[in-house]
Amino acid sequence: MTDEGKRLFLSSMVAVGLSFVLSYLPVCSLFYTIPVIVIAGFFHDGKRLIPALVSGSAVVGYTLIQNHAALQSELGRIGVLISLFFPVVLWVSALVWIALEGKRSIRRYLASCVFGTVVSLVLLVWLTSASDKVVALDKIMSKSFATLLGSFSQQAGLSFGTDAQLQGMYRMAIQVTGALLVPICMVLVGVNEFIALNIRRRNDQSISEAVVAWHLPLERSVWVFLSCWTLVAVSYFAHGAYLLTAMAVNLAASISLLYALQGFAIVLYALRKKNRLFSAGRLFGYLVIILSLVPGLNVLVVVVLPLLGVTETWIMYRKNE
């Protein structure tokens, strides 16, 4: 093995180890694929997939070993599978992203979102099927949520209401999550890949130039956008079944997210007109701070970015791009 090969091997081991550690830290677990995506960029052949394969296998395998007792019952197996939902979605998306090395970034991103989208919709349909196993699992999770939140409220000297009210909060949280499961997956996949891309190619202006040039197929996409949100409105006011409404919201929010990416490109274009060195990574960092720390303004950002993207159907914001 050459010296370069040894360095890549050691770097890959470090990346896999860091990825494994991140997968078991609160919040950081949602970004555990970043190290292996970064290291994959230094390989130039099929070996680039190996770190991600090892990392994902280790995370899934350790979770199964850690929960071996729960696997003895059918409800336990279902619970473990649900707990593996986000780790597996992120793992598969990372493998797709790495496998498509050399393709346009936006194409790689959309391809890496396909698995999460399909699995999210299948999971949504299954969880709303009201089968005996789903109902039993739902009761256990509802009681656990009420117990944990009730215990926390007592320790903190707060009051979140009665058990019935706590279970109502649980039901609302589950329904909101189900209605936004696809865009949540798309956001997590995109953040992992975008951060990894900027770490690997820091100070590379070609990333920002590629972001500025990104467009949706405007004439067709806007009709999909309008149709999805019309379906959401009809389902809501007609008091349609939850599954239909949730499916409609997932589709509408997903296309809105794509328009938000176009809005991001428009804002970046405007900033780079004033400062050619202003990067996509820098703008992303500012938006993360605003979304995390500035109440009120974060809601405005969530609304304005998709609207910017949609209105570019009729208004040419990037005239010289």
Protein backbone atom coordinates (compact mmCIF):
# COMPACT_ATOMS: atom_id res chain seq x y z
CA MET A 1 0.00 0.00 0.00
CA THR A 2 1.35 3.42 -0.97
CA ASP A 3 1.73 6.26 1.51
CA GLU A 4 -1.29 7.98 -0.03
CA GLY A 5 -3.27 4.77 0.30
CA LYS A 6 -2.32 4.49 3.98
CA ARG A 7 -3.36 8.08 4.62
CA LEU A 8 -6.71 7.51 2.92
CA PHE A 9 -7.24 4.32 4.91
CA LEU A 10 -6.51 6.03 8.23
CA SER A 11 -8.66 9.03 7.27
CA SER A 12 -11.49 6.67 6.34
CA MET A 13 -11.24 4.90 9.69
CA VAL A 14 -11.39 8.25 11.49
CA ALA A 15 -14.40 9.32 9.39
CA VAL A 16 -16.24 6.06 10.10
CA GLY A 17 -15.49 6.33 13.82
CA LEU A 18 -16.63 9.94 13.97
CA SER A 19 -19.78 9.06 12.03
CA PHE A 20 -20.55 6.25 14.47
CA VAL A 21 -20.06 8.53 17.50
CA LEU A 22 -22.25 11.26 15.99
CA SER A 23 -25.04 8.73 15.38
CA TYR A 24 -25.49 8.29 19.14
CA LEU A 25 -25.35 11.92 20.20
CA PRO A 26 -28.59 13.91 20.59
CA VAL A 27 -29.30 16.10 17.53
CA CYS A 28 -25.90 15.22 16.02
CA SER A 29 -27.30 11.81 15.08
CA LEU A 30 -29.18 13.54 12.24
CA PHE A 31 -25.86 14.54 10.68
CA TYR A 32 -23.86 11.34 11.14
CA THR A 33 -23.28 10.81 7.39
CA ILE A 34 -21.33 14.04 6.91
CA PRO A 35 -17.85 12.60 7.75
CA VAL A 36 -18.19 9.63 5.37
CA ILE A 37 -19.57 11.81 2.56
CA VAL A 38 -16.56 14.11 2.97
CA ILE A 39 -13.98 11.31 2.91
CA ALA A 40 -15.66 9.66 -0.09
CA GLY A 41 -14.72 12.69 -2.18
CA PHE A 42 -11.03 11.82 -1.89
CA PHE A 43 -11.45 8.45 -3.63
CA HIS A 44 -11.57 8.10 -7.40
CA ASP A 45 -13.06 4.63 -7.84
CA GLY A 46 -15.64 2.24 -6.40
CA LYS A 47 -13.86 2.33 -3.04
CA ARG A 48 -15.52 5.68 -2.31
CA LEU A 49 -18.65 3.81 -1.15
CA ILE A 50 -16.82 1.68 1.44
CA PRO A 51 -16.67 4.22 4.34
CA ALA A 52 -20.41 4.95 4.03
CA LEU A 53 -21.23 1.23 3.79
CA VAL A 54 -19.19 0.46 6.90
CA SER A 55 -20.58 3.41 8.86
CA GLY A 56 -24.23 2.68 8.07
CA SER A 57 -23.80 -1.04 8.72
CA ALA A 58 -22.19 -0.30 12.07
CA VAL A 59 -24.99 2.08 13.11
CA VAL A 60 -27.79 -0.29 12.09
CA GLY A 61 -26.02 -3.36 13.47
CA TYR A 62 -25.28 -1.75 16.84
CA THR A 63 -28.88 -0.56 17.13
CA LEU A 64 -30.16 -4.10 16.53
CA ILE A 65 -27.71 -5.54 19.07
CA GLN A 66 -28.55 -2.82 21.60
CA ASN A 67 -32.27 -3.58 21.26
CA HIS A 68 -32.03 -7.37 20.99
CA ALA A 69 -34.49 -7.84 23.84
CA ALA A 70 -37.13 -5.74 22.07
CA LEU A 71 -36.70 -7.86 18.93
CA GLN A 72 -38.22 -10.84 20.73
CA SER A 73 -41.74 -9.42 20.30
CA GLU A 74 -43.53 -8.21 17.19
CA LEU A 75 -44.31 -4.81 18.72
CA GLY A 76 -40.68 -4.47 19.75
CA ARG A 77 -39.49 -5.24 16.23
CA ILE A 78 -41.84 -2.62 14.82
CA GLY A 79 -40.58 -0.06 17.34
CA VAL A 80 -36.94 -0.80 16.47
CA LEU A 81 -37.66 -0.49 12.75
CA ILE A 82 -39.31 2.89 13.29
CA SER A 83 -36.31 4.04 15.34
CA LEU A 84 -34.08 3.11 12.38
CA PHE A 85 -36.13 5.16 9.92
CA PHE A 86 -34.00 8.32 9.84
CA PRO A 87 -30.60 6.56 10.15
CA VAL A 88 -31.41 4.28 7.21
CA VAL A 89 -32.87 7.10 5.07
CA LEU A 90 -29.72 9.19 5.65
CA TRP A 91 -27.49 6.16 5.01
CA VAL A 92 -29.11 5.27 1.66
CA SER A 93 -29.19 8.92 0.57
CA ALA A 94 -25.46 9.22 1.31
CA LEU A 95 -24.73 6.10 -0.76
CA VAL A 96 -26.73 7.48 -3.71
CA TRP A 97 -25.03 10.89 -3.44
CA ILE A 98 -21.58 9.28 -3.37
CA ALA A 99 -22.38 6.86 -6.22
CA LEU A 100 -23.39 9.79 -8.46
CA GLU A 101 -20.07 11.61 -8.00
CA GLY A 102 -19.41 13.78 -11.06
CA LYS A 103 -23.06 14.49 -11.83
CA ARG A 104 -24.70 17.88 -11.25
CA SER A 105 -25.22 18.52 -7.53
CA ILE A 106 -28.94 19.20 -7.85
CA ARG A 107 -29.45 15.94 -9.77
CA ARG A 108 -27.52 14.03 -7.11
CA TYR A 109 -29.61 15.66 -4.39
CA LEU A 110 -32.95 14.84 -6.02
CA ALA A 111 -31.87 11.26 -6.69
CA SER A 112 -30.74 10.85 -3.08
CA CYS A 113 -34.18 12.02 -1.88
CA VAL A 114 -36.12 9.34 -3.79
CA PHE A 115 -35.64 6.55 -1.23
CA GLY A 116 -36.65 8.76 1.71
CA THR A 117 -39.72 10.01 -0.17
CA VAL A 118 -40.96 6.52 -1.05
CA VAL A 119 -40.31 5.06 2.41
CA SER A 120 -41.92 8.08 4.10
CA LEU A 121 -45.13 7.70 2.11
CA VAL A 122 -45.21 3.92 2.71
CA LEU A 123 -44.68 4.48 6.44
CA LEU A 124 -47.42 7.11 6.49
CA VAL A 125 -49.90 4.77 4.80
CA TRP A 126 -49.01 1.93 7.16
CA LEU A 127 -49.23 4.06 10.34
CA THR A 128 -52.70 5.30 9.35
CA SER A 129 -53.95 1.79 8.58
CA ALA A 130 -55.27 1.36 12.16
CA SER A 131 -54.16 -2.27 12.28
CA ASP A 132 -54.07 -4.00 15.66
CA LYS A 133 -50.28 -3.71 15.89
CA VAL A 134 -50.29 -0.01 14.97
CA VAL A 135 -53.03 0.76 17.51
CA ALA A 136 -51.19 -1.14 20.25
CA LEU A 137 -47.89 0.59 19.48
CA ASP A 138 -49.63 3.96 19.38
CA LYS A 139 -51.09 3.43 22.85
CA ILE A 140 -47.68 2.52 24.28
CA MET A 141 -46.01 5.56 22.69
CA SER A 142 -48.83 7.86 23.80
CA LYS A 143 -48.56 6.73 27.43
CA SER A 144 -44.76 6.99 27.33
CA PHE A 145 -44.96 10.53 25.92
CA ALA A 146 -47.45 11.62 28.60
CA THR A 147 -45.36 10.03 31.35
CA LEU A 148 -42.07 11.58 30.23
CA LEU A 149 -43.50 15.04 29.65
CA GLY A 150 -45.42 14.89 32.92
CA SER A 151 -42.26 13.90 34.81
CA PHE A 152 -40.30 16.71 33.13
CA SER A 153 -42.99 19.27 33.98
CA GLN A 154 -42.92 18.28 37.65
CA GLN A 155 -39.12 18.55 37.83
CA ALA A 156 -39.15 21.93 36.09
CA GLY A 157 -42.05 23.24 38.17
CA LEU A 158 -44.22 23.68 35.09
CA SER A 159 -47.63 22.39 34.12
CA PHE A 160 -48.41 21.01 30.68
CA GLY A 161 -51.93 19.92 31.60
CA THR A 162 -53.66 16.67 32.45
CA ASP A 163 -52.82 13.25 31.02
CA ALA A 164 -55.59 13.68 28.47
CA GLN A 165 -54.14 17.03 27.38
CA LEU A 166 -50.64 15.54 27.17
CA GLN A 167 -51.92 12.73 25.01
CA GLY A 168 -53.63 15.34 22.84
CA MET A 169 -50.28 17.07 22.42
CA TYR A 170 -48.77 13.73 21.45
CA ARG A 171 -51.49 13.15 18.86
CA MET A 172 -50.95 16.62 17.35
CA ALA A 173 -47.17 16.14 17.22
CA ILE A 174 -47.57 12.77 15.48
CA GLN A 175 -50.02 14.17 12.93
CA VAL A 176 -47.85 17.20 12.13
CA THR A 177 -44.77 14.99 11.75
CA GLY A 178 -46.66 12.62 9.47
CA ALA A 179 -47.87 15.49 7.30
CA LEU A 180 -44.31 16.82 6.92
CA LEU A 181 -42.32 13.58 6.86
CA VAL A 182 -41.18 13.85 3.23
CA PRO A 183 -39.91 17.47 3.42
CA ILE A 184 -38.25 16.69 6.78
CA CYS A 185 -36.31 13.89 5.09
CA MET A 186 -35.47 16.17 2.16
CA VAL A 187 -34.15 18.88 4.49
CA LEU A 188 -32.01 16.45 6.51
CA VAL A 189 -30.59 14.82 3.38
CA GLY A 190 -29.86 18.21 1.81
CA VAL A 191 -28.21 19.65 4.91
CA ASN A 192 -25.92 16.61 5.29
CA GLU A 193 -24.87 16.74 1.65
CA PHE A 194 -24.49 20.52 1.47
CA ILE A 195 -22.34 20.72 4.61
CA ALA A 196 -20.19 17.82 3.42
CA LEU A 197 -19.76 19.43 -0.01
CA ASN A 198 -18.67 22.74 1.55
CA ILE A 199 -16.25 21.04 3.94
CA ARG A 200 -14.65 19.11 1.12
CA ARG A 201 -14.48 22.03 -1.31
CA ARG A 202 -14.17 25.00 1.00
CA ASN A 203 -13.21 28.27 -0.70
CA ASP A 204 -14.32 26.78 -4.03
CA GLN A 205 -16.41 29.44 -5.76
CA SER A 206 -17.75 26.93 -8.30
CA ILE A 207 -20.21 25.67 -5.65
CA SER A 208 -21.76 29.11 -5.27
CA GLU A 209 -21.80 29.60 -9.03
CA ALA A 210 -23.64 26.30 -9.47
CA VAL A 211 -26.18 27.26 -6.80
CA VAL A 212 -26.82 30.66 -8.41
CA ALA A 213 -27.52 28.99 -11.76
CA TRP A 214 -30.10 26.53 -10.45
CA HIS A 215 -33.65 26.79 -11.83
CA LEU A 216 -36.73 24.63 -11.64
CA PRO A 217 -38.54 23.99 -14.94
CA LEU A 218 -40.71 27.03 -14.20
CA GLU A 219 -43.76 26.63 -16.42
CA ARG A 220 -44.43 23.03 -15.38
CA SER A 221 -43.40 23.27 -11.73
CA VAL A 222 -45.63 26.20 -10.86
CA TRP A 223 -48.72 24.20 -11.88
CA VAL A 224 -47.61 21.33 -9.66
CA PHE A 225 -47.10 23.82 -6.81
CA LEU A 226 -50.54 25.42 -7.26
CA SER A 227 -52.30 22.08 -7.72
CA CYS A 228 -50.77 20.60 -4.55
CA TRP A 229 -51.72 23.54 -2.36
CA THR A 230 -55.22 23.61 -3.90
CA LEU A 231 -55.57 19.94 -2.97
CA VAL A 232 -54.45 20.76 0.59
CA ALA A 233 -57.07 23.52 0.87
CA VAL A 234 -59.86 21.34 -0.54
CA SER A 235 -58.96 18.45 1.76
CA TYR A 236 -58.81 20.73 4.81
CA PHE A 237 -62.10 22.54 4.24
CA ALA A 238 -63.87 19.35 3.17
CA HIS A 239 -62.65 17.68 6.39
CA GLY A 240 -61.12 14.85 4.38
CA ALA A 241 -59.46 11.80 5.86
CA TYR A 242 -56.15 12.44 7.61
CA LEU A 243 -54.22 10.26 5.16
CA LEU A 244 -55.41 12.26 2.15
CA THR A 245 -54.62 15.58 3.85
CA ALA A 246 -51.21 14.36 5.02
CA MET A 247 -50.32 13.10 1.55
CA ALA A 248 -51.36 16.44 0.04
CA VAL A 249 -49.36 18.44 2.60
CA ASN A 250 -46.29 16.25 2.04
CA LEU A 251 -46.41 16.83 -1.70
CA ALA A 252 -47.14 20.55 -1.39
CA ALA A 253 -44.43 21.12 1.21
CA SER A 254 -41.91 19.14 -0.87
CA ILE A 255 -42.42 21.24 -4.00
CA SER A 256 -42.35 24.35 -1.78
CA LEU A 257 -38.98 23.21 -0.45
CA LEU A 258 -37.64 22.98 -4.00
CA TYR A 259 -38.91 26.50 -4.66
CA ALA A 260 -37.22 27.59 -1.41
CA LEU A 261 -33.94 26.30 -2.84
CA GLN A 262 -34.58 28.46 -5.90
CA GLY A 263 -35.32 31.39 -3.59
CA PHE A 264 -32.01 30.68 -1.86
CA ALA A 265 -30.29 30.87 -5.27
CA ILE A 266 -31.97 34.21 -5.98
CA VAL A 267 -30.83 35.71 -2.65
CA LEU A 268 -27.31 34.39 -3.24
CA TYR A 269 -27.30 35.94 -6.72
CA ALA A 270 -28.27 39.35 -5.28
CA LEU A 271 -25.57 39.15 -2.60
CA ARG A 272 -22.88 38.04 -5.06
CA LYS A 273 -23.68 41.00 -7.30
CA LYS A 274 -22.44 43.21 -4.46
CA ASN A 275 -19.64 40.89 -3.34
CA ARG A 276 -18.37 38.21 -5.75
CA LEU A 277 -16.75 36.32 -2.87
CA PHE A 278 -19.98 35.88 -0.93
CA SER A 279 -20.48 32.11 -0.79
CA ALA A 280 -23.44 29.76 -0.60
CA GLY A 281 -22.00 28.29 2.60
CA ARG A 282 -21.91 31.70 4.24
CA LEU A 283 -25.52 32.43 3.31
CA PHE A 284 -26.53 29.00 4.57
CA GLY A 285 -24.84 29.73 7.91
CA TYR A 286 -26.72 33.03 8.25
CA LEU A 287 -30.04 31.32 7.52
CA VAL A 288 -29.36 28.60 10.11
CA ILE A 289 -28.71 31.27 12.74
CA ILE A 290 -31.88 33.16 11.81
CA LEU A 291 -34.04 30.03 11.76
CA SER A 292 -32.64 28.85 15.09
CA LEU A 293 -32.37 32.03 17.11
CA VAL A 294 -34.68 34.74 15.76
CA PRO A 295 -38.37 34.13 16.55
CA GLY A 296 -40.75 35.67 14.03
CA LEU A 297 -38.06 36.33 11.45
CA ASN A 298 -37.53 32.59 11.03
CA VAL A 299 -41.18 32.20 9.97
CA LEU A 300 -40.72 35.07 7.51
CA VAL A 301 -37.71 33.32 5.96
CA VAL A 302 -39.65 30.06 5.58
CA VAL A 303 -42.40 31.92 3.70
CA VAL A 304 -40.30 34.37 1.67
CA LEU A 305 -37.82 31.91 0.13
CA PRO A 306 -40.48 29.70 -1.57
CA LEU A 307 -42.40 32.81 -2.70
CA LEU A 308 -39.24 34.21 -4.28
CA GLY A 309 -38.80 30.96 -6.14
CA VAL A 310 -42.42 30.82 -7.30
CA THR A 311 -42.60 34.45 -8.43
CA GLU A 312 -39.52 34.00 -10.61
CA THR A 313 -41.96 32.27 -12.95
CA TRP A 314 -43.10 35.78 -13.89
CA ILE A 315 -40.35 38.09 -12.59
CA MET A 316 -36.78 37.71 -13.87
CA TYR A 317 -34.70 38.24 -10.74
CA ARG A 318 -31.43 36.91 -12.20
CA LYS A 319 -31.25 39.00 -15.35
CA ASN A 320 -27.52 38.69 -16.01
CA GLU A 321 -27.08 35.16 -14.71
